[in-house]
Amino acid sequence: MTEVVTQPSLVIPQLIVGLGNPEPKYDRTRHNIGFAAIDELSRHWLIPLAENRKFQGEYGEGVALGNHKVRLLKPLTYMNNSGQSIQSVTSWYKLSPDSVLVIYDDMDLPLGKTRLRLSGSAGGHNGMKSAIAHLHTQNFPRLRIGIGKPNHSSNQDNSESISHVLGKFSAAETQLMSVILGFVVECVEFSLKQGVEKTMNLCNTRTVDLA
């Protein structure tokens, strides 16, 4: 008798969330790179974002790559309560957690690096702690964008880490982040076509630079 091997189903994002804080003072800070990624996808796919009170965030939906229905979300609940906004969308549209792709900053990754995973812990990121708590699982894909660590930082100097995360990119870093956000669009589009697992090879092996 021949054994039937079932192929695992592809994990295709349906809701793409970027984490950040509202208010102009947080605009273009390292901690808001998730918001910047959603803005880039919105421009690239011509999907406008508008404040949606029911979802507690800026929200838009449309079609990417010709036939992929996608939803974009920037929670306006402040970082520590990001999960409230995410859960309001997943509950309304009855989306499973594994169809949610969350994009956010990571200080443990150097500038120019991205990491895509199918699941994982919050790694100390308060926005992800909230997302995991409200989705009741850590089994959902996430794309981390490296923002690097402050120079001469020590584990004891928490204030330096906070000022780094909430600080704005330098002119050179801003130029690099523009290139990185273009690469993030490439990664997300590949995940729509090929699934998150295959896309990990693309996103996790390349270092983006200006050269």
N, C-alpha and C. Protein backbone atom coordinates (compact mmCIF):
# COMPACT_ATOMS: atom_id res chain seq x y z
N MET A 1 0.86 -1.18 0.00
CA MET A 1 0.00 0.00 0.00
C MET A 1 0.90 1.24 0.00
N THR A 2 0.64 2.15 -0.92
CA THR A 2 1.47 3.35 -1.04
C THR A 2 1.06 4.38 0.00
N GLU A 3 2.06 4.89 0.70
CA GLU A 3 1.78 5.92 1.71
C GLU A 3 1.57 7.26 1.02
N VAL A 4 0.51 7.93 1.39
CA VAL A 4 0.21 9.24 0.81
C VAL A 4 0.86 10.32 1.68
N VAL A 5 1.71 11.10 1.06
CA VAL A 5 2.38 12.18 1.78
C VAL A 5 1.63 13.47 1.49
N THR A 6 1.09 14.06 2.53
CA THR A 6 0.35 15.31 2.35
C THR A 6 1.30 16.50 2.47
N GLN A 7 1.20 17.40 1.52
CA GLN A 7 2.03 18.59 1.56
C GLN A 7 1.44 19.59 2.56
N PRO A 8 2.30 20.22 3.39
CA PRO A 8 1.79 21.22 4.31
C PRO A 8 1.22 22.41 3.52
N SER A 9 0.12 22.94 4.03
CA SER A 9 -0.51 24.06 3.32
C SER A 9 0.37 25.31 3.44
N LEU A 10 0.37 26.11 2.40
CA LEU A 10 1.17 27.32 2.40
C LEU A 10 0.59 28.34 3.37
N VAL A 11 1.46 29.04 4.06
CA VAL A 11 1.04 30.15 4.92
C VAL A 11 1.11 31.42 4.09
N ILE A 12 -0.06 31.94 3.72
CA ILE A 12 -0.16 33.13 2.88
C ILE A 12 -0.75 34.27 3.71
N PRO A 13 -0.04 35.38 3.85
CA PRO A 13 -0.59 36.50 4.64
C PRO A 13 -1.87 37.06 4.02
N GLN A 14 -2.84 37.35 4.87
CA GLN A 14 -4.07 38.02 4.45
C GLN A 14 -4.20 39.39 5.13
N LEU A 15 -3.69 39.48 6.35
CA LEU A 15 -3.65 40.75 7.08
C LEU A 15 -2.19 41.06 7.39
N ILE A 16 -1.73 42.21 6.94
CA ILE A 16 -0.35 42.62 7.17
C ILE A 16 -0.37 43.82 8.11
N VAL A 17 0.27 43.66 9.25
CA VAL A 17 0.24 44.66 10.32
C VAL A 17 1.62 45.24 10.52
N GLY A 18 1.71 46.55 10.62
CA GLY A 18 2.96 47.21 10.99
C GLY A 18 2.81 47.82 12.36
N LEU A 19 3.76 47.57 13.26
CA LEU A 19 3.67 48.08 14.61
C LEU A 19 4.35 49.45 14.74
N GLY A 20 3.76 50.30 15.57
CA GLY A 20 4.31 51.63 15.80
C GLY A 20 3.46 52.38 16.80
N ASN A 21 3.79 53.66 16.99
CA ASN A 21 3.02 54.55 17.86
C ASN A 21 2.43 55.69 17.04
N PRO A 22 1.19 56.10 17.36
CA PRO A 22 0.63 57.28 16.71
C PRO A 22 1.29 58.55 17.26
N GLU A 23 0.84 59.68 16.81
CA GLU A 23 1.36 61.01 17.18
C GLU A 23 2.57 61.37 16.32
N PRO A 24 2.62 62.63 15.89
CA PRO A 24 3.72 63.09 15.03
C PRO A 24 5.11 62.91 15.65
N LYS A 25 5.22 63.01 16.97
CA LYS A 25 6.55 62.92 17.59
C LYS A 25 7.20 61.55 17.40
N TYR A 26 6.39 60.53 17.10
CA TYR A 26 6.94 59.19 16.87
C TYR A 26 7.20 58.91 15.39
N ASP A 27 6.77 59.81 14.54
CA ASP A 27 6.90 59.60 13.10
C ASP A 27 8.37 59.48 12.70
N ARG A 28 8.67 58.51 11.86
CA ARG A 28 10.01 58.27 11.34
C ARG A 28 11.04 57.90 12.41
N THR A 29 10.57 57.43 13.56
CA THR A 29 11.50 56.91 14.57
C THR A 29 11.78 55.44 14.27
N ARG A 30 12.83 54.92 14.89
CA ARG A 30 13.20 53.51 14.66
C ARG A 30 12.07 52.56 15.07
N HIS A 31 11.39 52.91 16.17
CA HIS A 31 10.32 52.04 16.70
C HIS A 31 9.12 52.00 15.76
N ASN A 32 9.02 52.96 14.84
CA ASN A 32 7.87 53.04 13.94
C ASN A 32 8.17 52.51 12.55
N ILE A 33 9.23 51.71 12.41
CA ILE A 33 9.56 51.20 11.08
C ILE A 33 8.47 50.27 10.56
N GLY A 34 7.70 49.66 11.47
CA GLY A 34 6.57 48.83 11.05
C GLY A 34 5.50 49.66 10.35
N PHE A 35 5.24 50.87 10.89
CA PHE A 35 4.30 51.79 10.24
C PHE A 35 4.81 52.17 8.85
N ALA A 36 6.12 52.46 8.79
CA ALA A 36 6.72 52.86 7.50
C ALA A 36 6.59 51.75 6.47
N ALA A 37 6.69 50.50 6.90
CA ALA A 37 6.55 49.36 5.98
C ALA A 37 5.13 49.29 5.42
N ILE A 38 4.13 49.52 6.28
CA ILE A 38 2.74 49.50 5.80
C ILE A 38 2.50 50.66 4.85
N ASP A 39 3.06 51.83 5.15
CA ASP A 39 2.94 52.98 4.24
C ASP A 39 3.53 52.65 2.87
N GLU A 40 4.67 51.95 2.88
CA GLU A 40 5.33 51.58 1.63
C GLU A 40 4.48 50.60 0.83
N LEU A 41 3.90 49.60 1.51
CA LEU A 41 3.02 48.65 0.84
C LEU A 41 1.78 49.35 0.31
N SER A 42 1.25 50.28 1.08
CA SER A 42 0.07 51.04 0.66
C SER A 42 0.34 51.81 -0.62
N ARG A 43 1.52 52.45 -0.70
CA ARG A 43 1.89 53.19 -1.92
C ARG A 43 2.11 52.26 -3.10
N HIS A 44 2.82 51.16 -2.81
CA HIS A 44 3.19 50.23 -3.88
C HIS A 44 1.97 49.56 -4.50
N TRP A 45 1.01 49.20 -3.65
CA TRP A 45 -0.18 48.48 -4.13
C TRP A 45 -1.36 49.42 -4.42
N LEU A 46 -1.17 50.71 -4.17
CA LEU A 46 -2.25 51.70 -4.37
C LEU A 46 -3.48 51.34 -3.53
N ILE A 47 -3.22 50.96 -2.27
CA ILE A 47 -4.30 50.66 -1.32
C ILE A 47 -4.32 51.79 -0.28
N PRO A 48 -5.28 52.70 -0.35
CA PRO A 48 -5.30 53.81 0.60
C PRO A 48 -5.62 53.35 2.03
N LEU A 49 -5.04 54.04 2.99
CA LEU A 49 -5.30 53.77 4.40
C LEU A 49 -6.16 54.89 4.97
N ALA A 50 -7.09 54.53 5.84
CA ALA A 50 -7.94 55.52 6.50
C ALA A 50 -8.21 55.06 7.93
N GLU A 51 -8.39 56.01 8.82
CA GLU A 51 -8.67 55.64 10.21
C GLU A 51 -9.99 54.89 10.30
N ASN A 52 -9.96 53.76 10.99
CA ASN A 52 -11.14 52.92 11.17
C ASN A 52 -11.34 52.74 12.68
N ARG A 53 -12.35 53.38 13.22
CA ARG A 53 -12.55 53.35 14.68
C ARG A 53 -12.86 51.95 15.19
N LYS A 54 -13.60 51.20 14.40
CA LYS A 54 -13.94 49.83 14.81
C LYS A 54 -12.69 48.99 15.00
N PHE A 55 -11.69 49.21 14.12
CA PHE A 55 -10.45 48.44 14.19
C PHE A 55 -9.37 49.15 14.99
N GLN A 56 -9.66 50.34 15.49
CA GLN A 56 -8.70 51.11 16.31
C GLN A 56 -7.37 51.29 15.58
N GLY A 57 -7.45 51.58 14.30
CA GLY A 57 -6.21 51.75 13.55
C GLY A 57 -6.47 52.35 12.17
N GLU A 58 -5.38 52.60 11.47
CA GLU A 58 -5.48 52.97 10.06
C GLU A 58 -5.54 51.67 9.26
N TYR A 59 -6.54 51.56 8.41
CA TYR A 59 -6.83 50.28 7.75
C TYR A 59 -7.12 50.50 6.27
N GLY A 60 -6.73 49.54 5.48
CA GLY A 60 -7.07 49.56 4.06
C GLY A 60 -7.09 48.15 3.52
N GLU A 61 -7.87 47.91 2.48
CA GLU A 61 -7.89 46.59 1.85
C GLU A 61 -7.96 46.75 0.35
N GLY A 62 -7.43 45.75 -0.33
CA GLY A 62 -7.41 45.80 -1.78
C GLY A 62 -6.80 44.54 -2.35
N VAL A 63 -6.32 44.64 -3.58
CA VAL A 63 -5.75 43.48 -4.27
C VAL A 63 -4.29 43.76 -4.61
N ALA A 64 -3.44 42.82 -4.31
CA ALA A 64 -2.03 42.93 -4.63
C ALA A 64 -1.66 41.86 -5.66
N LEU A 65 -0.75 42.20 -6.55
CA LEU A 65 -0.24 41.27 -7.56
C LEU A 65 -1.36 40.69 -8.43
N GLY A 66 -2.42 41.45 -8.58
CA GLY A 66 -3.47 41.04 -9.50
C GLY A 66 -4.58 40.20 -8.93
N ASN A 67 -4.26 39.32 -7.96
CA ASN A 67 -5.32 38.41 -7.49
C ASN A 67 -5.24 38.06 -6.01
N HIS A 68 -4.41 38.76 -5.23
CA HIS A 68 -4.30 38.44 -3.81
C HIS A 68 -5.02 39.50 -2.98
N LYS A 69 -6.10 39.10 -2.31
CA LYS A 69 -6.83 40.04 -1.43
C LYS A 69 -5.98 40.25 -0.18
N VAL A 70 -5.66 41.50 0.10
CA VAL A 70 -4.84 41.80 1.27
C VAL A 70 -5.49 42.91 2.09
N ARG A 71 -5.18 42.90 3.39
CA ARG A 71 -5.63 43.93 4.31
C ARG A 71 -4.39 44.50 5.00
N LEU A 72 -4.34 45.82 5.13
CA LEU A 72 -3.22 46.50 5.76
C LEU A 72 -3.71 47.19 7.02
N LEU A 73 -2.87 47.15 8.08
CA LEU A 73 -3.29 47.73 9.36
C LEU A 73 -2.11 48.38 10.08
N LYS A 74 -2.35 49.62 10.55
CA LYS A 74 -1.44 50.30 11.47
C LYS A 74 -2.22 50.56 12.76
N PRO A 75 -2.02 49.76 13.81
CA PRO A 75 -2.77 49.98 15.06
C PRO A 75 -2.48 51.37 15.63
N LEU A 76 -3.54 52.05 16.08
CA LEU A 76 -3.39 53.37 16.69
C LEU A 76 -3.61 53.32 18.20
N THR A 77 -3.40 52.14 18.77
CA THR A 77 -3.64 51.90 20.19
C THR A 77 -2.39 52.15 21.03
N TYR A 78 -1.34 52.63 20.41
CA TYR A 78 0.01 52.69 20.99
C TYR A 78 0.58 51.27 21.06
N MET A 79 1.89 51.23 21.00
CA MET A 79 2.60 49.96 20.82
C MET A 79 2.17 48.89 21.81
N ASN A 80 2.08 49.25 23.09
CA ASN A 80 1.84 48.25 24.12
C ASN A 80 0.47 47.59 24.03
N ASN A 81 -0.45 48.18 23.27
CA ASN A 81 -1.79 47.60 23.12
C ASN A 81 -2.10 47.24 21.67
N SER A 82 -1.07 46.99 20.89
CA SER A 82 -1.24 46.69 19.46
C SER A 82 -2.19 45.52 19.22
N GLY A 83 -2.17 44.54 20.11
CA GLY A 83 -2.98 43.34 19.93
C GLY A 83 -4.47 43.61 19.89
N GLN A 84 -4.93 44.66 20.60
CA GLN A 84 -6.36 45.00 20.59
C GLN A 84 -6.83 45.27 19.17
N SER A 85 -6.07 46.09 18.46
CA SER A 85 -6.43 46.44 17.09
C SER A 85 -6.36 45.23 16.17
N ILE A 86 -5.30 44.44 16.32
CA ILE A 86 -5.13 43.25 15.48
C ILE A 86 -6.30 42.28 15.68
N GLN A 87 -6.63 42.06 16.95
CA GLN A 87 -7.71 41.11 17.26
C GLN A 87 -9.06 41.60 16.73
N SER A 88 -9.28 42.92 16.73
CA SER A 88 -10.56 43.44 16.23
C SER A 88 -10.73 43.12 14.74
N VAL A 89 -9.63 43.15 13.98
CA VAL A 89 -9.70 42.82 12.55
C VAL A 89 -9.87 41.32 12.34
N THR A 90 -9.06 40.53 13.05
CA THR A 90 -9.13 39.07 12.86
C THR A 90 -10.49 38.52 13.30
N SER A 91 -11.07 39.10 14.35
CA SER A 91 -12.38 38.64 14.81
C SER A 91 -13.47 39.02 13.81
N TRP A 92 -13.41 40.24 13.28
CA TRP A 92 -14.44 40.73 12.35
C TRP A 92 -14.44 39.90 11.06
N TYR A 93 -13.24 39.61 10.54
CA TYR A 93 -13.15 38.89 9.26
C TYR A 93 -12.91 37.39 9.44
N LYS A 94 -12.89 36.93 10.70
CA LYS A 94 -12.69 35.51 11.01
C LYS A 94 -11.39 34.98 10.37
N LEU A 95 -10.31 35.72 10.59
CA LEU A 95 -9.00 35.33 10.07
C LEU A 95 -8.26 34.49 11.10
N SER A 96 -7.57 33.47 10.64
CA SER A 96 -6.77 32.66 11.55
C SER A 96 -5.46 33.39 11.85
N PRO A 97 -4.87 33.17 13.04
CA PRO A 97 -3.62 33.85 13.39
C PRO A 97 -2.51 33.65 12.36
N ASP A 98 -2.44 32.46 11.74
CA ASP A 98 -1.32 32.22 10.81
C ASP A 98 -1.47 32.99 9.50
N SER A 99 -2.60 33.69 9.33
CA SER A 99 -2.75 34.53 8.14
C SER A 99 -2.38 35.98 8.43
N VAL A 100 -1.89 36.25 9.65
CA VAL A 100 -1.50 37.59 10.06
C VAL A 100 0.02 37.71 10.02
N LEU A 101 0.53 38.64 9.22
CA LEU A 101 1.96 38.92 9.17
C LEU A 101 2.22 40.24 9.88
N VAL A 102 3.03 40.19 10.94
CA VAL A 102 3.33 41.39 11.73
C VAL A 102 4.75 41.86 11.41
N ILE A 103 4.89 43.15 11.09
CA ILE A 103 6.19 43.74 10.75
C ILE A 103 6.58 44.71 11.86
N TYR A 104 7.79 44.58 12.37
CA TYR A 104 8.20 45.45 13.48
C TYR A 104 9.72 45.56 13.57
N ASP A 105 10.18 46.47 14.41
CA ASP A 105 11.60 46.76 14.59
C ASP A 105 12.26 45.76 15.53
N ASP A 106 13.54 45.54 15.33
CA ASP A 106 14.30 44.65 16.22
C ASP A 106 15.70 45.21 16.44
N MET A 107 15.98 45.55 17.70
CA MET A 107 17.27 46.13 18.07
C MET A 107 18.39 45.08 18.03
N ASP A 108 18.03 43.81 18.13
CA ASP A 108 19.04 42.75 18.12
C ASP A 108 19.53 42.41 16.71
N LEU A 109 18.88 42.96 15.70
CA LEU A 109 19.33 42.77 14.32
C LEU A 109 20.02 44.05 13.85
N PRO A 110 21.15 43.92 13.16
CA PRO A 110 21.82 45.12 12.65
C PRO A 110 21.03 45.77 11.53
N LEU A 111 21.28 47.04 11.30
CA LEU A 111 20.67 47.72 10.16
C LEU A 111 21.00 46.97 8.88
N GLY A 112 20.01 46.82 8.03
CA GLY A 112 20.23 46.13 6.76
C GLY A 112 19.85 44.67 6.78
N LYS A 113 19.50 44.15 7.97
CA LYS A 113 19.09 42.75 8.07
C LYS A 113 17.59 42.65 8.35
N THR A 114 16.97 41.65 7.77
CA THR A 114 15.57 41.33 8.04
C THR A 114 15.47 39.85 8.43
N ARG A 115 14.46 39.53 9.23
CA ARG A 115 14.24 38.14 9.64
C ARG A 115 12.76 37.82 9.54
N LEU A 116 12.45 36.80 8.78
CA LEU A 116 11.08 36.33 8.64
C LEU A 116 10.96 34.97 9.32
N ARG A 117 9.93 34.83 10.16
CA ARG A 117 9.71 33.57 10.88
C ARG A 117 8.22 33.23 10.85
N LEU A 118 7.93 31.94 10.99
CA LEU A 118 6.55 31.47 11.03
C LEU A 118 5.93 31.62 12.42
N SER A 119 6.77 31.68 13.45
CA SER A 119 6.28 31.79 14.83
C SER A 119 7.45 32.20 15.72
N GLY A 120 7.17 32.38 17.00
CA GLY A 120 8.24 32.70 17.93
C GLY A 120 7.75 33.54 19.09
N SER A 121 8.65 33.78 20.03
CA SER A 121 8.30 34.57 21.20
C SER A 121 8.32 36.06 20.86
N ALA A 122 7.95 36.88 21.84
CA ALA A 122 7.94 38.33 21.64
C ALA A 122 9.35 38.90 21.65
N GLY A 123 10.29 38.19 22.27
CA GLY A 123 11.67 38.67 22.32
C GLY A 123 11.82 40.01 23.02
N GLY A 124 10.93 40.29 23.99
CA GLY A 124 11.03 41.54 24.72
C GLY A 124 10.33 42.71 24.06
N HIS A 125 9.74 42.51 22.89
CA HIS A 125 9.07 43.60 22.18
C HIS A 125 7.63 43.72 22.68
N ASN A 126 7.29 44.88 23.26
CA ASN A 126 5.98 45.04 23.89
C ASN A 126 4.82 44.94 22.90
N GLY A 127 5.02 45.42 21.69
CA GLY A 127 3.97 45.30 20.69
C GLY A 127 3.67 43.84 20.36
N MET A 128 4.72 43.03 20.29
CA MET A 128 4.53 41.61 20.00
C MET A 128 3.96 40.87 21.21
N LYS A 129 4.31 41.31 22.41
CA LYS A 129 3.71 40.71 23.61
C LYS A 129 2.20 40.88 23.56
N SER A 130 1.75 42.08 23.18
CA SER A 130 0.32 42.36 23.09
C SER A 130 -0.33 41.54 21.98
N ALA A 131 0.35 41.44 20.83
CA ALA A 131 -0.20 40.67 19.71
C ALA A 131 -0.38 39.20 20.10
N ILE A 132 0.63 38.63 20.74
CA ILE A 132 0.56 37.23 21.17
C ILE A 132 -0.56 37.03 22.19
N ALA A 133 -0.70 37.98 23.13
CA ALA A 133 -1.74 37.87 24.16
C ALA A 133 -3.14 37.91 23.54
N HIS A 134 -3.36 38.78 22.55
CA HIS A 134 -4.69 38.93 21.98
C HIS A 134 -5.02 37.87 20.92
N LEU A 135 -4.00 37.34 20.26
CA LEU A 135 -4.24 36.26 19.29
C LEU A 135 -4.21 34.89 19.97
N HIS A 136 -3.82 34.87 21.24
CA HIS A 136 -3.79 33.65 22.06
C HIS A 136 -2.86 32.58 21.49
N THR A 137 -1.85 33.01 20.77
CA THR A 137 -0.86 32.09 20.23
C THR A 137 0.35 32.90 19.76
N GLN A 138 1.49 32.23 19.69
CA GLN A 138 2.66 32.89 19.07
C GLN A 138 2.94 32.28 17.70
N ASN A 139 1.99 31.47 17.22
CA ASN A 139 2.15 30.83 15.91
C ASN A 139 1.53 31.68 14.80
N PHE A 140 2.17 32.79 14.53
CA PHE A 140 1.79 33.63 13.39
C PHE A 140 3.07 34.25 12.85
N PRO A 141 3.15 34.46 11.53
CA PRO A 141 4.38 34.94 10.93
C PRO A 141 4.70 36.38 11.33
N ARG A 142 6.00 36.66 11.37
CA ARG A 142 6.47 38.00 11.68
C ARG A 142 7.73 38.32 10.89
N LEU A 143 7.84 39.58 10.49
CA LEU A 143 9.00 40.06 9.75
C LEU A 143 9.66 41.15 10.58
N ARG A 144 10.85 40.87 11.07
CA ARG A 144 11.58 41.83 11.90
C ARG A 144 12.55 42.62 11.03
N ILE A 145 12.60 43.91 11.27
CA ILE A 145 13.51 44.79 10.55
C ILE A 145 14.55 45.30 11.53
N GLY A 146 15.82 45.05 11.25
CA GLY A 146 16.89 45.44 12.16
C GLY A 146 17.06 46.95 12.25
N ILE A 147 17.16 47.45 13.49
CA ILE A 147 17.43 48.87 13.70
C ILE A 147 18.77 49.07 14.41
N GLY A 148 19.46 47.97 14.73
CA GLY A 148 20.76 48.07 15.38
C GLY A 148 20.66 48.53 16.82
N LYS A 149 21.81 48.45 17.50
CA LYS A 149 21.88 48.86 18.90
C LYS A 149 22.60 50.20 18.99
N PRO A 150 22.34 50.97 20.06
CA PRO A 150 23.09 52.22 20.23
C PRO A 150 24.56 51.94 20.46
N ASN A 151 25.41 52.85 20.03
CA ASN A 151 26.85 52.69 20.23
C ASN A 151 27.18 52.67 21.72
N HIS A 152 28.09 51.77 22.08
CA HIS A 152 28.57 51.66 23.47
C HIS A 152 27.46 51.34 24.45
N SER A 153 26.39 50.69 23.99
CA SER A 153 25.30 50.39 24.92
C SER A 153 25.66 49.19 25.77
N SER A 154 25.16 49.19 26.99
CA SER A 154 25.34 48.06 27.89
C SER A 154 23.97 47.56 28.30
N ASN A 155 23.92 46.34 28.79
CA ASN A 155 22.65 45.78 29.20
C ASN A 155 22.03 46.57 30.35
N GLN A 156 22.89 47.26 31.13
CA GLN A 156 22.39 47.99 32.28
C GLN A 156 21.74 49.32 31.89
N ASP A 157 22.13 49.87 30.75
CA ASP A 157 21.67 51.21 30.39
C ASP A 157 20.39 51.14 29.56
N ASN A 158 19.28 50.98 30.28
CA ASN A 158 18.00 50.86 29.60
C ASN A 158 17.57 52.18 28.97
N SER A 159 17.92 53.30 29.60
CA SER A 159 17.51 54.60 29.09
C SER A 159 18.14 54.87 27.72
N GLU A 160 19.37 54.40 27.53
CA GLU A 160 20.04 54.59 26.24
C GLU A 160 19.33 53.78 25.15
N SER A 161 18.88 52.58 25.50
CA SER A 161 18.16 51.75 24.53
C SER A 161 16.83 52.40 24.15
N ILE A 162 16.14 52.96 25.15
CA ILE A 162 14.84 53.60 24.89
C ILE A 162 15.02 54.80 23.98
N SER A 163 16.04 55.63 24.26
CA SER A 163 16.26 56.82 23.44
C SER A 163 16.68 56.43 22.02
N HIS A 164 17.39 55.30 21.89
CA HIS A 164 17.78 54.81 20.57
C HIS A 164 16.54 54.37 19.78
N VAL A 165 15.69 53.57 20.42
CA VAL A 165 14.50 53.04 19.75
C VAL A 165 13.54 54.16 19.36
N LEU A 166 13.39 55.14 20.23
CA LEU A 166 12.46 56.24 19.98
C LEU A 166 13.11 57.40 19.23
N GLY A 167 14.38 57.25 18.88
CA GLY A 167 15.07 58.28 18.12
C GLY A 167 14.85 58.13 16.63
N LYS A 168 15.20 59.17 15.89
CA LYS A 168 15.04 59.16 14.44
C LYS A 168 16.32 58.67 13.76
N PHE A 169 16.17 58.14 12.57
CA PHE A 169 17.31 57.67 11.80
C PHE A 169 18.16 58.85 11.35
N SER A 170 19.46 58.62 11.26
CA SER A 170 20.35 59.63 10.68
C SER A 170 20.08 59.74 9.18
N ALA A 171 20.69 60.73 8.53
CA ALA A 171 20.48 60.91 7.09
C ALA A 171 20.92 59.67 6.31
N ALA A 172 22.08 59.12 6.68
CA ALA A 172 22.59 57.93 6.00
C ALA A 172 21.69 56.72 6.27
N GLU A 173 21.22 56.61 7.53
CA GLU A 173 20.34 55.49 7.89
C GLU A 173 19.00 55.61 7.17
N THR A 174 18.50 56.83 7.04
CA THR A 174 17.24 57.05 6.33
C THR A 174 17.34 56.60 4.89
N GLN A 175 18.46 56.89 4.27
CA GLN A 175 18.70 56.45 2.89
C GLN A 175 18.71 54.92 2.81
N LEU A 176 19.37 54.29 3.78
CA LEU A 176 19.44 52.82 3.82
C LEU A 176 18.06 52.23 4.08
N MET A 177 17.30 52.83 5.00
CA MET A 177 15.98 52.30 5.33
C MET A 177 15.04 52.36 4.13
N SER A 178 15.22 53.36 3.27
CA SER A 178 14.42 53.44 2.06
C SER A 178 14.65 52.21 1.17
N VAL A 179 15.91 51.79 1.08
CA VAL A 179 16.26 50.59 0.31
C VAL A 179 15.69 49.35 1.00
N ILE A 180 15.81 49.31 2.34
CA ILE A 180 15.30 48.16 3.10
C ILE A 180 13.79 48.01 2.93
N LEU A 181 13.07 49.13 2.97
CA LEU A 181 11.61 49.07 2.82
C LEU A 181 11.22 48.55 1.44
N GLY A 182 12.01 48.89 0.42
CA GLY A 182 11.78 48.31 -0.90
C GLY A 182 11.97 46.81 -0.89
N PHE A 183 12.97 46.35 -0.14
CA PHE A 183 13.23 44.91 -0.01
C PHE A 183 12.10 44.23 0.77
N VAL A 184 11.56 44.92 1.79
CA VAL A 184 10.44 44.39 2.56
C VAL A 184 9.23 44.16 1.65
N VAL A 185 8.96 45.10 0.75
CA VAL A 185 7.87 44.92 -0.22
C VAL A 185 8.13 43.66 -1.06
N GLU A 186 9.38 43.49 -1.49
CA GLU A 186 9.75 42.31 -2.27
C GLU A 186 9.48 41.03 -1.48
N CYS A 187 9.85 41.03 -0.20
CA CYS A 187 9.64 39.84 0.65
C CYS A 187 8.16 39.54 0.84
N VAL A 188 7.37 40.57 1.10
CA VAL A 188 5.94 40.37 1.33
C VAL A 188 5.27 39.86 0.06
N GLU A 189 5.64 40.43 -1.08
CA GLU A 189 5.04 39.97 -2.34
C GLU A 189 5.42 38.53 -2.63
N PHE A 190 6.65 38.14 -2.33
CA PHE A 190 7.07 36.75 -2.54
C PHE A 190 6.27 35.81 -1.63
N SER A 191 6.00 36.28 -0.40
CA SER A 191 5.23 35.44 0.53
C SER A 191 3.79 35.26 0.06
N LEU A 192 3.25 36.26 -0.64
CA LEU A 192 1.90 36.12 -1.19
C LEU A 192 1.87 35.07 -2.31
N LYS A 193 2.96 35.01 -3.07
CA LYS A 193 3.01 34.08 -4.21
C LYS A 193 3.47 32.68 -3.80
N GLN A 194 4.46 32.61 -2.91
CA GLN A 194 5.11 31.33 -2.60
C GLN A 194 4.90 30.84 -1.17
N GLY A 195 4.31 31.66 -0.33
CA GLY A 195 4.15 31.29 1.08
C GLY A 195 5.30 31.80 1.93
N VAL A 196 5.04 31.92 3.22
CA VAL A 196 6.03 32.50 4.14
C VAL A 196 7.27 31.62 4.26
N GLU A 197 7.08 30.30 4.32
CA GLU A 197 8.22 29.41 4.55
C GLU A 197 9.28 29.53 3.46
N LYS A 198 8.87 29.53 2.20
CA LYS A 198 9.84 29.68 1.11
C LYS A 198 10.47 31.07 1.11
N THR A 199 9.69 32.06 1.52
CA THR A 199 10.18 33.44 1.51
C THR A 199 11.28 33.65 2.56
N MET A 200 11.29 32.83 3.59
CA MET A 200 12.32 32.95 4.63
C MET A 200 13.72 32.85 4.03
N ASN A 201 13.89 32.01 3.01
CA ASN A 201 15.21 31.89 2.37
C ASN A 201 15.65 33.20 1.75
N LEU A 202 14.70 33.92 1.16
CA LEU A 202 15.01 35.20 0.52
C LEU A 202 15.32 36.27 1.56
N CYS A 203 14.46 36.39 2.55
CA CYS A 203 14.56 37.50 3.50
C CYS A 203 15.66 37.33 4.55
N ASN A 204 15.99 36.12 4.88
CA ASN A 204 16.90 35.89 5.99
C ASN A 204 18.36 35.74 5.59
N THR A 205 18.64 35.71 4.29
CA THR A 205 20.02 35.50 3.85
C THR A 205 20.66 36.73 3.26
N ARG A 206 19.84 37.72 2.93
CA ARG A 206 20.40 38.92 2.27
C ARG A 206 20.59 40.06 3.26
N THR A 207 21.69 40.75 3.12
CA THR A 207 21.91 41.99 3.87
C THR A 207 21.78 43.15 2.89
N VAL A 208 20.88 44.08 3.23
CA VAL A 208 20.65 45.22 2.35
C VAL A 208 21.65 46.32 2.66
N ASP A 209 22.29 46.87 1.65
CA ASP A 209 23.18 48.01 1.84
C ASP A 209 23.02 48.96 0.66
N LEU A 210 23.73 50.07 0.70
CA LEU A 210 23.59 51.08 -0.33
C LEU A 210 24.52 50.85 -1.52
N ALA A 211 25.39 49.85 -1.41
CA ALA A 211 26.36 49.62 -2.47
C ALA A 211 25.67 49.00 -3.68
